[in-house]
Amino acid sequence: MSFACPVCGFPELDEAPRDEQGCASFEICPCCGIEFGYEDATTSHSELRARWIAGGKRWWSYRGPPPGWDADAQLAEISE
């Protein structure tokens, strides 16, 4: 099972950003670099998203994006 990042929409997170009780996973999204429970503890997902977009929607992880990665397509899937 995979989960989507609420900031950038990357659909392949290994853990949910937050569990049913609202506890953060502290996983870091390889796409936008947000650590759940850290950056999103004081800044909204929409503001973090706006910053990522303003920064050029660049892939964050040194491992590189998966084949066919499309930032605009994944952003279109966010239901916030």
C-alpha atoms as a PDB file:
ATOM      1  CA  MET A   1       0.000   0.000   0.000  1.00  0.00           C
ATOM      2  CA  SER A   2       1.241   3.489  -0.754  1.00  0.00           C
ATOM      3  CA  PHE A   3       0.108   6.922   0.365  1.00  0.00           C
ATOM      4  CA  ALA A   4      -0.002  10.372  -1.240  1.00  0.00           C
ATOM      5  CA  CYS A   5       1.869  13.407   0.008  1.00  0.00           C
ATOM      6  CA  PRO A   6      -0.625  16.114   1.042  1.00  0.00           C
ATOM      7  CA  VAL A   7       1.867  18.803  -0.012  1.00  0.00           C
ATOM      8  CA  CYS A   8       2.963  17.800  -3.524  1.00  0.00           C
ATOM      9  CA  GLY A   9       0.683  14.853  -4.302  1.00  0.00           C
ATOM     10  CA  PHE A  10       3.492  12.305  -4.762  1.00  0.00           C
ATOM     11  CA  PRO A  11       1.521   9.024  -4.652  1.00  0.00           C
ATOM     12  CA  GLU A  12       4.196   6.563  -3.489  1.00  0.00           C
ATOM     13  CA  LEU A  13       4.918   7.265   0.184  1.00  0.00           C
ATOM     14  CA  ASP A  14       5.595   4.137   2.253  1.00  0.00           C
ATOM     15  CA  GLU A  15       3.684   5.469   5.275  1.00  0.00           C
ATOM     16  CA  ALA A  16       0.692   7.734   5.736  1.00  0.00           C
ATOM     17  CA  PRO A  17       1.850  11.270   6.657  1.00  0.00           C
ATOM     18  CA  ARG A  18      -0.340  11.030   9.765  1.00  0.00           C
ATOM     19  CA  ASP A  19      -2.150   8.093  11.349  1.00  0.00           C
ATOM     20  CA  GLU A  20      -5.794   7.913  12.450  1.00  0.00           C
ATOM     21  CA  GLN A  21      -4.945   9.667  15.733  1.00  0.00           C
ATOM     22  CA  GLY A  22      -3.116  12.479  13.913  1.00  0.00           C
ATOM     23  CA  CYS A  23       0.382  11.370  14.902  1.00  0.00           C
ATOM     24  CA  ALA A  24       3.018  12.210  12.310  1.00  0.00           C
ATOM     25  CA  SER A  25       5.043   9.520  10.577  1.00  0.00           C
ATOM     26  CA  PHE A  26       8.151  11.749  10.348  1.00  0.00           C
ATOM     27  CA  GLU A  27       8.643  10.270   6.882  1.00  0.00           C
ATOM     28  CA  ILE A  28      10.254  12.636   4.375  1.00  0.00           C
ATOM     29  CA  CYS A  29       8.600  12.942   0.979  1.00  0.00           C
ATOM     30  CA  PRO A  30      11.246  12.180  -1.667  1.00  0.00           C
ATOM     31  CA  CYS A  31       9.533  14.556  -4.078  1.00  0.00           C
ATOM     32  CA  CYS A  32       9.102  17.816  -2.130  1.00  0.00           C
ATOM     33  CA  GLY A  33      11.314  17.049   0.900  1.00  0.00           C
ATOM     34  CA  ILE A  34       8.681  17.784   3.559  1.00  0.00           C
ATOM     35  CA  GLU A  35       9.118  15.874   6.817  1.00  0.00           C
ATOM     36  CA  PHE A  36       5.681  15.140   8.247  1.00  0.00           C
ATOM     37  CA  GLY A  37       5.511  16.253  11.847  1.00  0.00           C
ATOM     38  CA  TYR A  38       8.262  18.825  11.383  1.00  0.00           C
ATOM     39  CA  GLU A  39       7.639  21.347   8.592  1.00  0.00           C
ATOM     40  CA  ASP A  40       3.890  20.743   8.606  1.00  0.00           C
ATOM     41  CA  ALA A  41       3.672  21.170  12.378  1.00  0.00           C
ATOM     42  CA  THR A  42       3.755  24.955  12.032  1.00  0.00           C
ATOM     43  CA  THR A  43       3.017  25.566   8.336  1.00  0.00           C
ATOM     44  CA  SER A  44      -0.063  24.480   6.388  1.00  0.00           C
ATOM     45  CA  HIS A  45       0.168  22.004   3.548  1.00  0.00           C
ATOM     46  CA  SER A  46      -1.158  24.615   1.138  1.00  0.00           C
ATOM     47  CA  GLU A  47       1.579  27.081   2.139  1.00  0.00           C
ATOM     48  CA  LEU A  48       4.264  24.388   1.866  1.00  0.00           C
ATOM     49  CA  ARG A  49       2.845  23.475  -1.552  1.00  0.00           C
ATOM     50  CA  ALA A  50       2.981  27.100  -2.684  1.00  0.00           C
ATOM     51  CA  ARG A  51       6.636  27.289  -1.621  1.00  0.00           C
ATOM     52  CA  TRP A  52       7.485  24.074  -3.497  1.00  0.00           C
ATOM     53  CA  ILE A  53       5.736  25.358  -6.615  1.00  0.00           C
ATOM     54  CA  ALA A  54       7.454  28.758  -6.341  1.00  0.00           C
ATOM     55  CA  GLY A  55      10.778  26.927  -6.060  1.00  0.00           C
ATOM     56  CA  GLY A  56      10.229  25.277  -9.413  1.00  0.00           C
ATOM     57  CA  LYS A  57       8.574  21.978  -8.378  1.00  0.00           C
ATOM     58  CA  ARG A  58      11.978  20.317  -8.226  1.00  0.00           C
ATOM     59  CA  TRP A  59      12.498  16.713  -7.191  1.00  0.00           C
ATOM     60  CA  TRP A  60      14.093  16.740  -3.735  1.00  0.00           C
ATOM     61  CA  SER A  61      15.708  13.317  -3.219  1.00  0.00           C
ATOM     62  CA  TYR A  62      19.178  12.525  -4.505  1.00  0.00           C
ATOM     63  CA  ARG A  63      17.818   9.172  -5.761  1.00  0.00           C
ATOM     64  CA  GLY A  64      16.001  10.892  -8.581  1.00  0.00           C
ATOM     65  CA  PRO A  65      12.360  10.716  -9.618  1.00  0.00           C
ATOM     66  CA  PRO A  66      10.634   7.561 -10.828  1.00  0.00           C
ATOM     67  CA  PRO A  67      10.342   7.059 -14.593  1.00  0.00           C
ATOM     68  CA  GLY A  68       7.644   9.256 -16.073  1.00  0.00           C
ATOM     69  CA  TRP A  69       7.428  11.530 -13.034  1.00  0.00           C
ATOM     70  CA  ASP A  70       5.211  14.543 -13.720  1.00  0.00           C
ATOM     71  CA  ALA A  71       4.876  17.194 -11.003  1.00  0.00           C
ATOM     72  CA  ASP A  72       1.877  18.839 -12.638  1.00  0.00           C
ATOM     73  CA  ALA A  73      -0.019  15.552 -12.960  1.00  0.00           C
ATOM     74  CA  GLN A  74       0.481  14.678  -9.309  1.00  0.00           C
ATOM     75  CA  LEU A  75      -0.509  18.179  -8.194  1.00  0.00           C
ATOM     76  CA  ALA A  76      -3.755  17.798 -10.140  1.00  0.00           C
ATOM     77  CA  GLU A  77      -4.629  14.777  -7.953  1.00  0.00           C
ATOM     78  CA  ILE A  78      -4.552  16.702  -4.655  1.00  0.00           C
ATOM     79  CA  SER A  79      -8.080  16.938  -3.259  1.00  0.00           C
ATOM     80  CA  GLU A  80      -7.471  19.712  -0.732  1.00  0.00           C
END
